[in-house]
């Protein structure tokens, strides 16, 4: 029996490797069904209709504050939290440290 070196065994394994590509032509709807994902289209339609109703009601009052409340249920506080999250994430991504206490402007 002949013994193989470690390098020869790696080459033998590499020769046995096979790459297979499979192309499947399907619509997003067919892919969703195949993966067993739920159909959220009816929910999305209801949410869009509700959002449109709220926006229309706010526009009818011609009150900017009512429009902002309809679009941002948490008001400015939610926007400030989101903005703080973005700044902290950017700071962390660039190697900086996130501030523990963020001073509130003008208060």
Protein backbone atom coordinates (compact mmCIF):
# COMPACT_ATOMS: atom_id res chain seq x y z
CA UNK A 1 0.00 0.00 0.00
CA UNK A 2 1.16 3.47 -0.79
CA UNK A 3 0.72 6.21 1.75
CA UNK A 4 -0.29 9.68 0.66
CA UNK A 5 1.03 12.94 2.01
CA UNK A 6 -1.35 15.44 3.61
CA UNK A 7 -1.19 17.69 0.53
CA UNK A 8 -2.15 14.83 -1.78
CA UNK A 9 -5.19 13.98 0.37
CA UNK A 10 -6.40 17.58 0.12
CA UNK A 11 -6.08 17.45 -3.66
CA UNK A 12 -7.99 14.18 -3.78
CA UNK A 13 -10.80 15.70 -1.74
CA UNK A 14 -10.86 18.80 -3.94
CA UNK A 15 -11.23 16.65 -7.05
CA UNK A 16 -14.32 15.00 -5.53
CA UNK A 17 -15.98 18.35 -4.77
CA UNK A 18 -18.85 19.36 -7.03
CA UNK A 19 -20.62 22.66 -7.47
CA UNK A 20 -24.26 22.63 -8.52
CA UNK A 21 -26.35 25.67 -9.47
CA UNK A 22 -30.12 25.42 -9.62
CA UNK A 23 -32.16 28.23 -11.14
CA UNK A 24 -35.81 28.45 -10.14
CA UNK A 25 -38.05 30.81 -12.09
CA UNK A 26 -41.01 31.84 -9.94
CA UNK A 27 -42.95 34.90 -8.92
CA UNK A 28 -42.57 36.40 -5.43
CA UNK A 29 -46.05 35.02 -4.63
CA UNK A 30 -45.00 31.50 -5.62
CA UNK A 31 -41.78 31.80 -3.60
CA UNK A 32 -43.74 32.97 -0.55
CA UNK A 33 -46.07 29.98 -0.80
CA UNK A 34 -43.20 27.55 -1.35
CA UNK A 35 -41.42 28.80 1.81
CA UNK A 36 -44.66 28.66 3.81
CA UNK A 37 -44.72 32.38 4.60
CA UNK A 38 -48.06 34.01 5.43
CA UNK A 39 -49.88 36.22 2.95
CA UNK A 40 -49.77 39.72 4.46
CA UNK A 41 -51.33 41.52 1.50
CA UNK A 42 -54.81 41.81 3.15
CA UNK A 43 -53.24 43.14 6.35
CA UNK A 44 -51.14 45.62 4.39
CA UNK A 45 -54.22 46.84 2.52
CA UNK A 46 -56.11 47.37 5.80
CA UNK A 47 -53.16 49.22 7.35
CA UNK A 48 -52.77 51.47 4.30
CA UNK A 49 -56.51 52.23 4.31
CA UNK A 50 -56.37 53.11 8.02
CA UNK A 51 -53.30 55.30 7.48
CA UNK A 52 -55.02 57.06 4.57
CA UNK A 53 -58.14 57.59 6.71
CA UNK A 54 -56.08 59.13 9.52
CA UNK A 55 -54.14 61.36 7.15
CA UNK A 56 -57.35 62.55 5.48
CA UNK A 57 -58.94 63.29 8.86
CA UNK A 58 -55.89 65.29 9.91
CA UNK A 59 -55.83 67.19 6.61
CA UNK A 60 -59.53 68.00 6.96
CA UNK A 61 -58.89 69.75 10.25
CA UNK A 62 -56.02 71.72 8.66
CA UNK A 63 -54.29 71.46 12.02
CA UNK A 64 -50.56 70.72 11.67
CA UNK A 65 -50.41 69.33 15.21
CA UNK A 66 -53.21 66.86 14.46
CA UNK A 67 -51.39 65.76 11.31
CA UNK A 68 -48.19 65.11 13.26
CA UNK A 69 -50.09 63.16 15.91
CA UNK A 70 -51.66 60.99 13.18
CA UNK A 71 -48.31 60.36 11.48
CA UNK A 72 -46.20 60.01 14.64
CA UNK A 73 -48.36 58.50 17.39
CA UNK A 74 -45.61 59.01 20.00
CA UNK A 75 -45.16 62.60 18.87
CA UNK A 76 -41.81 64.32 18.97
CA UNK A 77 -40.59 62.01 21.71
CA UNK A 78 -40.65 59.02 19.35
CA UNK A 79 -38.73 60.97 16.74
CA UNK A 80 -36.15 62.08 19.32
CA UNK A 81 -35.67 58.48 20.48
CA UNK A 82 -35.21 57.33 16.90
CA UNK A 83 -32.74 60.15 16.20
CA UNK A 84 -30.80 59.31 19.39
CA UNK A 85 -30.70 55.65 18.29
CA UNK A 86 -29.27 56.63 14.89
CA UNK A 87 -26.60 58.88 16.44
CA UNK A 88 -25.59 56.22 18.98
CA UNK A 89 -25.43 53.58 16.26
CA UNK A 90 -23.28 55.81 14.05
CA UNK A 91 -21.00 56.60 16.98
CA UNK A 92 -20.63 52.90 17.80
CA UNK A 93 -19.97 52.00 14.15
CA UNK A 94 -17.14 54.52 13.93
CA UNK A 95 -15.52 53.24 17.10
CA UNK A 96 -16.78 56.01 19.37
CA UNK A 97 -18.68 55.39 22.56
CA UNK A 98 -22.35 56.13 23.00
CA UNK A 99 -23.20 58.96 25.36
CA UNK A 100 -24.93 57.77 28.52
CA UNK A 101 -26.88 60.97 29.18
CA UNK A 102 -27.97 63.02 26.21
CA UNK A 103 -28.81 66.57 27.20
CA UNK A 104 -32.18 67.79 25.99
CA UNK A 105 -31.92 70.88 23.83
CA UNK A 106 -33.54 74.05 25.10
CA UNK A 107 -34.90 72.54 28.32
